[in-house]
C-alpha atoms as a PDB file:
ATOM      1  CA  MET A   1       0.000   0.000   0.000  1.00  0.00           C
ATOM      2  CA  THR A   2       1.065   3.568  -0.511  1.00  0.00           C
ATOM      3  CA  ASP A   3       1.549   6.231   2.114  1.00  0.00           C
ATOM      4  CA  ALA A   4      -1.651   6.638   4.126  1.00  0.00           C
ATOM      5  CA  SER A   5      -1.477  10.415   3.778  1.00  0.00           C
ATOM      6  CA  ALA A   6      -2.249   9.990   0.086  1.00  0.00           C
ATOM      7  CA  THR A   7      -5.895   9.393   0.976  1.00  0.00           C
ATOM      8  CA  ALA A   8      -6.357  13.144   1.369  1.00  0.00           C
ATOM      9  CA  ASP A   9      -5.002  13.760  -2.144  1.00  0.00           C
ATOM     10  CA  ARG A  10      -8.038  12.240  -3.800  1.00  0.00           C
ATOM     11  CA  PRO A  11     -11.134  14.425  -3.318  1.00  0.00           C
ATOM     12  CA  LEU A  12     -14.269  12.846  -1.937  1.00  0.00           C
ATOM     13  CA  PRO A  13     -16.890  12.164  -4.631  1.00  0.00           C
ATOM     14  CA  SER A  14     -19.854  14.492  -4.838  1.00  0.00           C
ATOM     15  CA  GLN A  15     -22.036  12.756  -7.425  1.00  0.00           C
ATOM     16  CA  GLU A  16     -23.988   9.552  -6.935  1.00  0.00           C
ATOM     17  CA  SER A  17     -22.273   7.867  -9.880  1.00  0.00           C
ATOM     18  CA  ASP A  18     -18.856   8.720  -8.508  1.00  0.00           C
ATOM     19  CA  CYS A  19     -18.957   6.981  -5.132  1.00  0.00           C
ATOM     20  CA  PRO A  20     -19.593   3.579  -3.570  1.00  0.00           C
ATOM     21  CA  PRO A  21     -23.333   2.761  -3.418  1.00  0.00           C
ATOM     22  CA  LEU A  22     -23.213   2.977   0.377  1.00  0.00           C
ATOM     23  CA  PHE A  23     -22.221   6.668   0.178  1.00  0.00           C
ATOM     24  CA  ARG A  24     -24.805   7.853  -2.352  1.00  0.00           C
ATOM     25  CA  ASN A  25     -26.824   9.601   0.346  1.00  0.00           C
ATOM     26  CA  ALA A  26     -23.923  10.548   2.599  1.00  0.00           C
ATOM     27  CA  PRO A  27     -23.874  14.084   4.038  1.00  0.00           C
ATOM     28  CA  SER A  28     -22.068  16.682   1.934  1.00  0.00           C
ATOM     29  CA  SER A  29     -21.024  18.884   4.865  1.00  0.00           C
ATOM     30  CA  VAL A  30     -17.389  19.834   5.373  1.00  0.00           C
ATOM     31  CA  ALA A  31     -17.481  18.364   8.892  1.00  0.00           C
ATOM     32  CA  PHE A  32     -18.580  14.966   7.595  1.00  0.00           C
ATOM     33  CA  LYS A  33     -15.989  14.966   4.806  1.00  0.00           C
ATOM     34  CA  LYS A  34     -13.256  15.675   7.358  1.00  0.00           C
ATOM     35  CA  LEU A  35     -14.525  12.892   9.597  1.00  0.00           C
ATOM     36  CA  ARG A  36     -14.663  10.475   6.680  1.00  0.00           C
ATOM     37  CA  LYS A  37     -11.114  11.328   5.620  1.00  0.00           C
ATOM     38  CA  ARG A  38      -9.846  10.945   9.188  1.00  0.00           C
ATOM     39  CA  LEU A  39     -11.321   7.469   9.509  1.00  0.00           C
ATOM     40  CA  LEU A  40      -9.931   6.491   6.109  1.00  0.00           C
ATOM     41  CA  ARG A  41      -6.476   7.693   7.114  1.00  0.00           C
ATOM     42  CA  GLU A  42      -6.540   5.968  10.500  1.00  0.00           C
ATOM     43  CA  VAL A  43      -7.679   2.651   9.063  1.00  0.00           C
ATOM     44  CA  ARG A  44      -5.027   2.759   6.328  1.00  0.00           C
ATOM     45  CA  GLU A  45      -2.348   3.551   8.898  1.00  0.00           C
ATOM     46  CA  THR A  46      -3.470   0.626  11.054  1.00  0.00           C
ATOM     47  CA  ILE A  47      -3.539  -1.751   8.070  1.00  0.00           C
ATOM     48  CA  ASP A  48      -0.040  -0.647   7.048  1.00  0.00           C
ATOM     49  CA  ARG A  49       1.489  -0.587  10.525  1.00  0.00           C
ATOM     50  CA  TYR A  50       0.406  -4.090  11.452  1.00  0.00           C
ATOM     51  CA  GLY A  51       0.906  -5.727   8.061  1.00  0.00           C
ATOM     52  CA  MET A  52      -2.688  -6.737   7.437  1.00  0.00           C
ATOM     53  CA  LEU A  53      -2.108  -7.087   3.706  1.00  0.00           C
ATOM     54  CA  PRO A  54       0.270  -9.511   1.954  1.00  0.00           C
ATOM     55  CA  LYS A  55       3.720  -8.059   1.280  1.00  0.00           C
ATOM     56  CA  GLU A  56       3.807  -9.340  -2.283  1.00  0.00           C
ATOM     57  CA  PRO A  57       1.098  -9.063  -4.981  1.00  0.00           C
ATOM     58  CA  ARG A  58      -0.934 -12.204  -5.592  1.00  0.00           C
ATOM     59  CA  ALA A  59      -2.686 -13.628  -8.597  1.00  0.00           C
ATOM     60  CA  ARG A  60      -5.863 -13.612  -6.506  1.00  0.00           C
ATOM     61  CA  PRO A  61      -6.435 -10.957  -3.852  1.00  0.00           C
ATOM     62  CA  PRO A  62      -6.973 -12.047  -0.254  1.00  0.00           C
ATOM     63  CA  ARG A  63     -10.556 -12.379   0.918  1.00  0.00           C
ATOM     64  CA  TRP A  64     -11.797 -10.897   4.199  1.00  0.00           C
ATOM     65  CA  LEU A  65     -14.920 -11.847   6.125  1.00  0.00           C
ATOM     66  CA  VAL A  66     -16.179  -8.535   7.538  1.00  0.00           C
ATOM     67  CA  CYS A  67     -18.360  -9.308  10.542  1.00  0.00           C
ATOM     68  CA  LEU A  68     -21.462  -7.170  11.057  1.00  0.00           C
ATOM     69  CA  SER A  69     -23.425  -7.286  14.288  1.00  0.00           C
ATOM     70  CA  GLY A  70     -25.666  -4.394  13.312  1.00  0.00           C
ATOM     71  CA  GLY A  71     -23.957  -1.984  15.709  1.00  0.00           C
ATOM     72  CA  LYS A  72     -22.346   1.363  14.902  1.00  0.00           C
ATOM     73  CA  ASP A  73     -18.789  -0.045  14.981  1.00  0.00           C
ATOM     74  CA  SER A  74     -19.254  -2.831  12.453  1.00  0.00           C
ATOM     75  CA  TYR A  75     -21.309  -0.649  10.095  1.00  0.00           C
ATOM     76  CA  THR A  76     -18.551   1.970  10.147  1.00  0.00           C
ATOM     77  CA  LEU A  77     -15.875  -0.676   9.623  1.00  0.00           C
ATOM     78  CA  LEU A  78     -17.635  -2.020   6.537  1.00  0.00           C
ATOM     79  CA  ALA A  79     -18.223   1.478   5.149  1.00  0.00           C
ATOM     80  CA  VAL A  80     -14.583   2.520   5.528  1.00  0.00           C
ATOM     81  CA  LEU A  81     -13.274  -0.713   3.992  1.00  0.00           C
ATOM     82  CA  LEU A  82     -15.667  -0.389   1.042  1.00  0.00           C
ATOM     83  CA  ASP A  83     -14.576   3.236   0.622  1.00  0.00           C
ATOM     84  CA  LEU A  84     -10.891   2.258   0.577  1.00  0.00           C
ATOM     85  CA  LYS A  85     -11.576  -0.577  -1.865  1.00  0.00           C
ATOM     86  CA  TRP A  86     -13.508   1.740  -4.195  1.00  0.00           C
ATOM     87  CA  ARG A  87     -10.573   4.165  -4.176  1.00  0.00           C
ATOM     88  CA  GLY A  88      -8.206   1.370  -5.200  1.00  0.00           C
ATOM     89  CA  LEU A  89      -6.403   1.504  -1.854  1.00  0.00           C
ATOM     90  CA  LEU A  90      -7.480  -1.885  -0.488  1.00  0.00           C
ATOM     91  CA  PRO A  91      -6.775  -4.805  -2.855  1.00  0.00           C
ATOM     92  CA  VAL A  92      -9.018  -7.235  -0.988  1.00  0.00           C
ATOM     93  CA  ASP A  93     -12.271  -9.059  -1.728  1.00  0.00           C
ATOM     94  CA  LEU A  94     -14.755  -8.182   1.013  1.00  0.00           C
ATOM     95  CA  LEU A  95     -17.599 -10.435   2.143  1.00  0.00           C
ATOM     96  CA  ALA A  96     -19.929  -9.024   4.779  1.00  0.00           C
ATOM     97  CA  CYS A  97     -21.285 -11.552   7.251  1.00  0.00           C
ATOM     98  CA  ASN A  98     -23.944 -11.383   9.932  1.00  0.00           C
ATOM     99  CA  LEU A  99     -24.360 -14.094  12.536  1.00  0.00           C
ATOM    100  CA  ASP A 100     -28.044 -14.276  13.462  1.00  0.00           C
ATOM    101  CA  GLN A 101     -27.981 -15.831  16.943  1.00  0.00           C
ATOM    102  CA  ALA A 102     -31.756 -16.348  17.093  1.00  0.00           C
ATOM    103  CA  GLN A 103     -32.299 -13.818  19.840  1.00  0.00           C
ATOM    104  CA  PRO A 104     -36.006 -13.220  20.490  1.00  0.00           C
ATOM    105  CA  GLY A 105     -37.192 -10.155  18.629  1.00  0.00           C
ATOM    106  CA  PHE A 106     -34.070  -9.895  16.477  1.00  0.00           C
ATOM    107  CA  PRO A 107     -35.032  -8.013  13.286  1.00  0.00           C
ATOM    108  CA  ALA A 108     -33.677 -10.584  10.846  1.00  0.00           C
ATOM    109  CA  ASP A 109     -34.724  -8.560   7.793  1.00  0.00           C
ATOM    110  CA  VAL A 110     -32.694  -5.407   8.555  1.00  0.00           C
ATOM    111  CA  LEU A 111     -29.209  -6.459   7.494  1.00  0.00           C
ATOM    112  CA  PRO A 112     -30.209  -8.462   4.393  1.00  0.00           C
ATOM    113  CA  ALA A 113     -32.175  -5.425   3.207  1.00  0.00           C
ATOM    114  CA  PHE A 114     -29.228  -3.127   3.962  1.00  0.00           C
ATOM    115  CA  PHE A 115     -26.817  -5.347   2.022  1.00  0.00           C
ATOM    116  CA  ALA A 116     -29.157  -5.657  -0.948  1.00  0.00           C
ATOM    117  CA  ALA A 117     -29.862  -1.914  -1.083  1.00  0.00           C
ATOM    118  CA  HIS A 118     -26.144  -1.120  -1.333  1.00  0.00           C
ATOM    119  CA  ASP A 119     -24.989  -4.020  -3.542  1.00  0.00           C
ATOM    120  CA  ILE A 120     -22.804  -5.494  -0.808  1.00  0.00           C
ATOM    121  CA  PRO A 121     -21.743  -9.164  -1.158  1.00  0.00           C
ATOM    122  CA  HIS A 122     -22.809 -10.914   2.021  1.00  0.00           C
ATOM    123  CA  ARG A 123     -23.726 -14.053   3.859  1.00  0.00           C
ATOM    124  CA  ILE A 124     -26.208 -14.496   6.696  1.00  0.00           C
ATOM    125  CA  VAL A 125     -25.448 -17.330   9.125  1.00  0.00           C
ATOM    126  CA  ARG A 126     -28.259 -18.342  11.472  1.00  0.00           C
ATOM    127  CA  GLU A 127     -27.336 -20.412  14.549  1.00  0.00           C
ATOM    128  CA  ASP A 128     -29.308 -20.538  17.797  1.00  0.00           C
ATOM    129  CA  THR A 129     -26.499 -19.680  20.186  1.00  0.00           C
ATOM    130  CA  TYR A 130     -28.948 -17.602  22.242  1.00  0.00           C
ATOM    131  CA  SER A 131     -30.626 -20.722  23.671  1.00  0.00           C
ATOM    132  CA  ILE A 132     -27.260 -22.312  24.454  1.00  0.00           C
ATOM    133  CA  VAL A 133     -25.973 -19.237  26.293  1.00  0.00           C
ATOM    134  CA  THR A 134     -29.128 -18.615  28.294  1.00  0.00           C
ATOM    135  CA  ASP A 135     -29.339 -22.317  29.184  1.00  0.00           C
ATOM    136  CA  LYS A 136     -25.718 -22.672  30.309  1.00  0.00           C
ATOM    137  CA  VAL A 137     -25.175 -19.323  32.038  1.00  0.00           C
ATOM    138  CA  PRO A 138     -27.248 -18.191  35.039  1.00  0.00           C
ATOM    139  CA  ALA A 139     -29.097 -14.909  34.510  1.00  0.00           C
ATOM    140  CA  SER A 140     -26.997 -13.320  37.251  1.00  0.00           C
ATOM    141  CA  LYS A 141     -23.763 -14.024  35.364  1.00  0.00           C
ATOM    142  CA  THR A 142     -22.238 -12.387  32.290  1.00  0.00           C
ATOM    143  CA  TYR A 143     -23.142 -13.997  28.977  1.00  0.00           C
ATOM    144  CA  CYS A 144     -20.309 -12.383  27.031  1.00  0.00           C
ATOM    145  CA  SER A 145     -17.589 -15.012  27.499  1.00  0.00           C
ATOM    146  CA  LEU A 146     -19.566 -18.040  26.294  1.00  0.00           C
ATOM    147  CA  CYS A 147     -21.365 -16.005  23.640  1.00  0.00           C
ATOM    148  CA  SER A 148     -18.086 -14.738  22.170  1.00  0.00           C
ATOM    149  CA  ARG A 149     -16.562 -18.245  22.103  1.00  0.00           C
ATOM    150  CA  LEU A 150     -19.555 -19.630  20.231  1.00  0.00           C
ATOM    151  CA  ARG A 151     -19.549 -16.697  17.820  1.00  0.00           C
ATOM    152  CA  ARG A 152     -15.835 -17.040  17.172  1.00  0.00           C
ATOM    153  CA  GLY A 153     -16.147 -20.725  16.312  1.00  0.00           C
ATOM    154  CA  LEU A 154     -19.010 -20.102  13.900  1.00  0.00           C
ATOM    155  CA  LEU A 155     -17.200 -17.218  12.214  1.00  0.00           C
ATOM    156  CA  TYR A 156     -14.036 -19.318  11.823  1.00  0.00           C
ATOM    157  CA  ARG A 157     -16.093 -22.046  10.183  1.00  0.00           C
ATOM    158  CA  THR A 158     -17.798 -19.568   7.860  1.00  0.00           C
ATOM    159  CA  ALA A 159     -14.504 -17.948   6.885  1.00  0.00           C
ATOM    160  CA  ARG A 160     -13.063 -21.322   5.922  1.00  0.00           C
ATOM    161  CA  GLU A 161     -16.167 -22.237   3.922  1.00  0.00           C
ATOM    162  CA  GLU A 162     -15.951 -18.943   2.019  1.00  0.00           C
ATOM    163  CA  GLY A 163     -12.216 -19.157   1.331  1.00  0.00           C
ATOM    164  CA  CYS A 164     -11.391 -16.173   3.516  1.00  0.00           C
ATOM    165  CA  GLU A 165      -8.009 -15.757   5.168  1.00  0.00           C
ATOM    166  CA  ALA A 166      -9.101 -13.162   7.724  1.00  0.00           C
ATOM    167  CA  ILE A 167     -12.006 -12.339   9.988  1.00  0.00           C
ATOM    168  CA  VAL A 168     -12.352  -8.564  10.327  1.00  0.00           C
ATOM    169  CA  LEU A 169     -13.931  -7.087  13.454  1.00  0.00           C
ATOM    170  CA  GLY A 170     -15.075  -3.582  14.369  1.00  0.00           C
ATOM    171  CA  HIS A 171     -13.282  -3.154  17.696  1.00  0.00           C
ATOM    172  CA  HIS A 172     -11.890   0.344  18.218  1.00  0.00           C
ATOM    173  CA  ARG A 173      -9.523   2.294  20.470  1.00  0.00           C
ATOM    174  CA  GLU A 174     -11.814   2.337  23.496  1.00  0.00           C
ATOM    175  CA  ASP A 175     -12.444  -1.419  23.212  1.00  0.00           C
ATOM    176  CA  ALA A 176      -8.688  -2.004  23.502  1.00  0.00           C
ATOM    177  CA  LEU A 177      -8.375   0.325  26.499  1.00  0.00           C
ATOM    178  CA  GLU A 178     -11.353  -1.263  28.249  1.00  0.00           C
ATOM    179  CA  THR A 179      -9.801  -4.703  27.723  1.00  0.00           C
ATOM    180  CA  MET A 180      -6.475  -3.469  29.070  1.00  0.00           C
ATOM    181  CA  MET A 181      -8.121  -2.096  32.213  1.00  0.00           C
ATOM    182  CA  MET A 182     -10.217  -5.250  32.634  1.00  0.00           C
ATOM    183  CA  ASN A 183      -7.060  -7.361  32.508  1.00  0.00           C
ATOM    184  CA  LEU A 184      -5.289  -4.998  34.888  1.00  0.00           C
ATOM    185  CA  PHE A 185      -8.066  -4.815  37.478  1.00  0.00           C
ATOM    186  CA  HIS A 186      -9.543  -8.304  37.228  1.00  0.00           C
ATOM    187  CA  GLY A 187      -6.982 -10.509  35.471  1.00  0.00           C
ATOM    188  CA  GLY A 188      -3.710  -9.391  37.030  1.00  0.00           C
ATOM    189  CA  ARG A 189      -1.936  -9.027  33.683  1.00  0.00           C
ATOM    190  CA  LEU A 190      -0.970  -6.350  31.176  1.00  0.00           C
ATOM    191  CA  ALA A 191      -2.763  -7.236  27.941  1.00  0.00           C
ATOM    192  CA  ALA A 192      -5.124  -5.467  25.571  1.00  0.00           C
ATOM    193  CA  MET A 193      -6.834  -6.328  22.285  1.00  0.00           C
ATOM    194  CA  PRO A 194      -4.377  -6.931  19.404  1.00  0.00           C
ATOM    195  CA  PRO A 195      -4.923  -5.277  16.015  1.00  0.00           C
ATOM    196  CA  LYS A 196      -3.794  -8.490  14.313  1.00  0.00           C
ATOM    197  CA  LEU A 197      -3.997 -12.031  15.659  1.00  0.00           C
ATOM    198  CA  LEU A 198      -3.344 -15.491  14.236  1.00  0.00           C
ATOM    199  CA  ASN A 199      -5.821 -18.119  15.444  1.00  0.00           C
ATOM    200  CA  ASP A 200      -4.678 -21.228  17.300  1.00  0.00           C
ATOM    201  CA  GLU A 201      -4.966 -23.385  14.182  1.00  0.00           C
ATOM    202  CA  GLY A 202      -2.724 -20.982  12.274  1.00  0.00           C
ATOM    203  CA  ASP A 203      -4.981 -20.670   9.231  1.00  0.00           C
ATOM    204  CA  LEU A 204      -6.929 -17.454   9.890  1.00  0.00           C
ATOM    205  CA  PHE A 205      -6.104 -13.921  10.925  1.00  0.00           C
ATOM    206  CA  VAL A 206      -8.330 -11.822  13.162  1.00  0.00           C
ATOM    207  CA  LEU A 207      -7.972  -8.182  12.086  1.00  0.00           C
ATOM    208  CA  ARG A 208      -9.178  -4.995  13.783  1.00  0.00           C
ATOM    209  CA  PRO A 209      -8.572  -2.077  11.375  1.00  0.00           C
ATOM    210  CA  LEU A 210     -10.490   0.421  13.569  1.00  0.00           C
ATOM    211  CA  MET A 211      -8.072  -0.044  16.457  1.00  0.00           C
ATOM    212  CA  GLY A 212      -6.605   3.424  15.952  1.00  0.00           C
ATOM    213  CA  SER A 213      -9.992   5.168  15.748  1.00  0.00           C
ATOM    214  CA  ALA A 214     -11.937   6.831  18.553  1.00  0.00           C
ATOM    215  CA  GLU A 215     -15.389   5.558  19.469  1.00  0.00           C
ATOM    216  CA  ALA A 216     -16.761   9.104  19.415  1.00  0.00           C
ATOM    217  CA  ASP A 217     -15.734   9.521  15.763  1.00  0.00           C
ATOM    218  CA  ILE A 218     -17.263   6.172  14.883  1.00  0.00           C
ATOM    219  CA  GLY A 219     -20.502   7.143  16.592  1.00  0.00           C
ATOM    220  CA  ARG A 220     -20.664  10.465  14.745  1.00  0.00           C
ATOM    221  CA  PHE A 221     -20.006   8.725  11.440  1.00  0.00           C
ATOM    222  CA  ALA A 222     -22.693   6.087  12.029  1.00  0.00           C
ATOM    223  CA  ARG A 223     -25.281   8.712  12.997  1.00  0.00           C
ATOM    224  CA  ALA A 224     -24.481  10.846   9.963  1.00  0.00           C
ATOM    225  CA  MET A 225     -24.802   7.814   7.680  1.00  0.00           C
ATOM    226  CA  GLU A 226     -28.085   6.847   9.387  1.00  0.00           C
ATOM    227  CA  PHE A 227     -27.183   3.185   9.667  1.00  0.00           C
ATOM    228  CA  PRO A 228     -30.062   0.961  10.868  1.00  0.00           C
ATOM    229  CA  ILE A 229     -28.591   0.087  14.274  1.00  0.00           C
ATOM    230  CA  ILE A 230     -29.592  -3.218  15.857  1.00  0.00           C
ATOM    231  CA  PRO A 231     -29.039  -3.369  19.648  1.00  0.00           C
ATOM    232  CA  CYS A 232     -27.648  -6.507  21.281  1.00  0.00           C
ATOM    233  CA  ASP A 233     -30.379  -7.528  23.714  1.00  0.00           C
ATOM    234  CA  LEU A 234     -28.401 -10.504  24.983  1.00  0.00           C
ATOM    235  CA  CYS A 235     -25.633  -8.666  26.828  1.00  0.00           C
ATOM    236  CA  GLY A 236     -27.460  -5.357  26.814  1.00  0.00           C
ATOM    237  CA  SER A 237     -30.075  -6.843  29.125  1.00  0.00           C
ATOM    238  CA  GLN A 238     -27.551  -7.390  31.929  1.00  0.00           C
ATOM    239  CA  ASP A 239     -26.796  -4.486  34.232  1.00  0.00           C
ATOM    240  CA  GLY A 240     -23.635  -3.848  36.204  1.00  0.00           C
ATOM    241  CA  LEU A 241     -21.205  -5.590  33.865  1.00  0.00           C
ATOM    242  CA  GLN A 242     -17.560  -5.024  34.754  1.00  0.00           C
ATOM    243  CA  ARG A 243     -16.810  -3.732  31.274  1.00  0.00           C
ATOM    244  CA  ALA A 244     -19.608  -1.188  31.573  1.00  0.00           C
ATOM    245  CA  GLU A 245     -18.048   0.111  34.780  1.00  0.00           C
ATOM    246  CA  ILE A 246     -14.642   0.366  33.113  1.00  0.00           C
ATOM    247  CA  LYS A 247     -16.209   2.171  30.169  1.00  0.00           C
ATOM    248  CA  LYS A 248     -17.862   4.682  32.468  1.00  0.00           C
ATOM    249  CA  MET A 249     -14.554   5.293  34.250  1.00  0.00           C
ATOM    250  CA  LEU A 250     -12.669   5.893  30.980  1.00  0.00           C
ATOM    251  CA  GLU A 251     -15.372   8.238  29.725  1.00  0.00           C
ATOM    252  CA  GLY A 252     -15.032  10.226  32.954  1.00  0.00           C
ATOM    253  CA  TRP A 253     -11.270  10.518  32.503  1.00  0.00           C
ATOM    254  CA  GLU A 254     -11.704  11.753  28.939  1.00  0.00           C
ATOM    255  CA  ARG A 255     -14.388  14.213  29.964  1.00  0.00           C
ATOM    256  CA  ASP A 256     -12.239  15.674  32.748  1.00  0.00           C
ATOM    257  CA  ASN A 257      -8.995  15.537  30.752  1.00  0.00           C
ATOM    258  CA  PRO A 258      -9.658  15.672  26.978  1.00  0.00           C
ATOM    259  CA  GLY A 259      -7.047  13.683  25.072  1.00  0.00           C
ATOM    260  CA  ARG A 260      -6.332  11.294  27.956  1.00  0.00           C
ATOM    261  CA  LEU A 261      -7.567   8.216  26.081  1.00  0.00           C
ATOM    262  CA  GLY A 262      -5.411   9.076  23.078  1.00  0.00           C
ATOM    263  CA  VAL A 263      -2.339   9.172  25.287  1.00  0.00           C
ATOM    264  CA  MET A 264      -3.319   5.849  26.882  1.00  0.00           C
ATOM    265  CA  ALA A 265      -3.835   4.280  23.461  1.00  0.00           C
ATOM    266  CA  ARG A 266      -0.367   5.400  22.335  1.00  0.00           C
ATOM    267  CA  ALA A 267       1.072   3.662  25.390  1.00  0.00           C
ATOM    268  CA  LEU A 268      -0.110   0.321  24.011  1.00  0.00           C
ATOM    269  CA  SER A 269       2.392   0.635  21.163  1.00  0.00           C
ATOM    270  CA  HIS A 270       5.232   2.118  23.236  1.00  0.00           C
ATOM    271  CA  VAL A 271       6.080  -0.686  25.651  1.00  0.00           C
ATOM    272  CA  ARG A 272       9.243  -0.649  27.783  1.00  0.00           C
ATOM    273  CA  PRO A 273       9.893  -4.247  28.916  1.00  0.00           C
ATOM    274  CA  SER A 274      12.903  -3.107  30.980  1.00  0.00           C
ATOM    275  CA  HIS A 275      10.601  -0.992  33.135  1.00  0.00           C
ATOM    276  CA  LEU A 276       8.033  -3.680  33.787  1.00  0.00           C
ATOM    277  CA  HIS A 277       8.455  -6.746  35.997  1.00  0.00           C
ATOM    278  CA  ASP A 278       8.302  -9.727  33.650  1.00  0.00           C
ATOM    279  CA  PRO A 279      11.626 -11.653  33.458  1.00  0.00           C
ATOM    280  CA  ALA A 280      10.274 -13.522  30.435  1.00  0.00           C
ATOM    281  CA  LEU A 281      10.314 -10.231  28.492  1.00  0.00           C
ATOM    282  CA  PHE A 282      13.506  -8.690  29.832  1.00  0.00           C
ATOM    283  CA  PRO A 283      16.687 -10.495  31.076  1.00  0.00           C
ATOM    284  CA  PHE A 284      16.875  -8.881  34.520  1.00  0.00           C
ATOM    285  CA  ILE A 285      19.028 -11.752  35.761  1.00  0.00           C
ATOM    286  CA  GLU A 286      21.730 -10.815  33.231  1.00  0.00           C
ATOM    287  CA  LEU A 287      22.078  -7.225  34.449  1.00  0.00           C
ATOM    288  CA  ALA A 288      25.585  -6.508  35.663  1.00  0.00           C
ATOM    289  CA  THR A 289      27.783  -3.523  36.518  1.00  0.00           C
ATOM    290  CA  ASP A 290      30.356  -4.274  33.811  1.00  0.00           C
ATOM    291  CA  GLY A 291      28.661  -1.983  31.287  1.00  0.00           C
ATOM    292  CA  ALA A 292      27.296  -4.857  29.190  1.00  0.00           C
ATOM    293  CA  ALA A 293      23.677  -4.420  30.243  1.00  0.00           C
ATOM    294  CA  PRO A 294      20.909  -5.053  27.707  1.00  0.00           C
ATOM    295  CA  ALA A 295      19.555  -2.096  25.768  1.00  0.00           C
ATOM    296  CA  GLY A 296      17.262   0.120  27.821  1.00  0.00           C
ATOM    297  CA  ALA A 297      18.508  -1.101  31.165  1.00  0.00           C
ATOM    298  CA  HIS A 298      20.302   2.148  32.060  1.00  0.00           C
ATOM    299  CA  GLU A 299      17.519   4.558  31.252  1.00  0.00           C
ATOM    300  CA  GLU A 300      15.181   5.444  34.098  1.00  0.00           C
ATOM    301  CA  ALA A 301      11.514   5.883  33.251  1.00  0.00           C
ATOM    302  CA  ASP A 302      10.264   9.451  33.611  1.00  0.00           C
ATOM    303  CA  PRO A 303       6.473   9.424  33.242  1.00  0.00           C
ATOM    304  CA  CYS A 304       6.111  13.092  34.205  1.00  0.00           C
ATOM    305  CA  GLY A 305       8.728  14.208  31.690  1.00  0.00           C
ATOM    306  CA  ALA A 306       7.244  11.982  28.990  1.00  0.00           C
ATOM    307  CA  ALA A 307       3.782  13.357  29.654  1.00  0.00           C
ATOM    308  CA  ALA A 308       5.059  16.922  29.474  1.00  0.00           C
ATOM    309  CA  ALA A 309       6.828  16.234  26.182  1.00  0.00           C
ATOM    310  CA  MET A 310       3.699  14.563  24.784  1.00  0.00           C
ATOM    311  CA  ASN A 311       1.535  17.518  25.794  1.00  0.00           C
ATOM    312  CA  ALA A 312       4.011  19.948  24.253  1.00  0.00           C
ATOM    313  CA  ARG A 313       3.877  18.071  20.941  1.00  0.00           C
ATOM    314  CA  MET A 314       0.083  17.972  21.006  1.00  0.00           C
ATOM    315  CA  PHE A 315      -0.204  21.721  21.626  1.00  0.00           C
ATOM    316  CA  ALA A 316       2.401  22.414  18.939  1.00  0.00           C
ATOM    317  CA  ALA A 317       0.351  20.340  16.482  1.00  0.00           C
ATOM    318  CA  ASP A 318      -2.769  22.334  17.310  1.00  0.00           C
END
């Protein structure tokens, strides 16, 4: 792929015939065009940075299974990927996929109608995981863990049946930060949500191209595009989930200190093993006073100085 900044060099289309079908009724405001370009740039940067595309050209382009739940994140993911593909910046075959889990009241006609209206190749997979989850998990417990395992298995199977090499999910910056805090507070480990993952069998990638994008931007984009949002009544029906509490905490930090979540997200890609406590990541036992210490061992962490430098760069950019 070329430099992600090149996205801005090609003007956004203004006529119905000169845009992807999904964008025919998109807003024409300057604010929306800027938002659209920002999401395009961020997704391209994430795809490039984490090597989501093959290094060498292929006779047949890779095929991605783009998973749609009917929420704002997955709609936005699909829209941005289709936009990049239309611009010739994403040499990938895209297949949208919705997993209908047979939840009571699920509007099964919404996504098929959406796909058909915008000429989007797709597949609908119907499996009654709802009954399994509600039968196995007490109502007082969180459904998410079992539900996600069942979903993952079904999506892996579908990807293999369709000849896809990657499952593409709509997780964003805040999802990664929430996972990091969940692991920190409840799991006793430092781990987040990877932008690129190889499954245990080694035959499928799990990709998250929106990992560098803010949830607020995604929400604004989805509202402007008037996507037909489908709520998840399975997990949405349970109050007091730990993730919901983490989300509320992060939102409070961002509200009181705008830009805080961006700084936290950058920390996920600027890891200093020598200043953590895991001997499997850094050879503490080999440290000696003979001057032959491993790289990074001499430098003392200075979070206050780093924060000041980061703030200075941010204000300079503004």
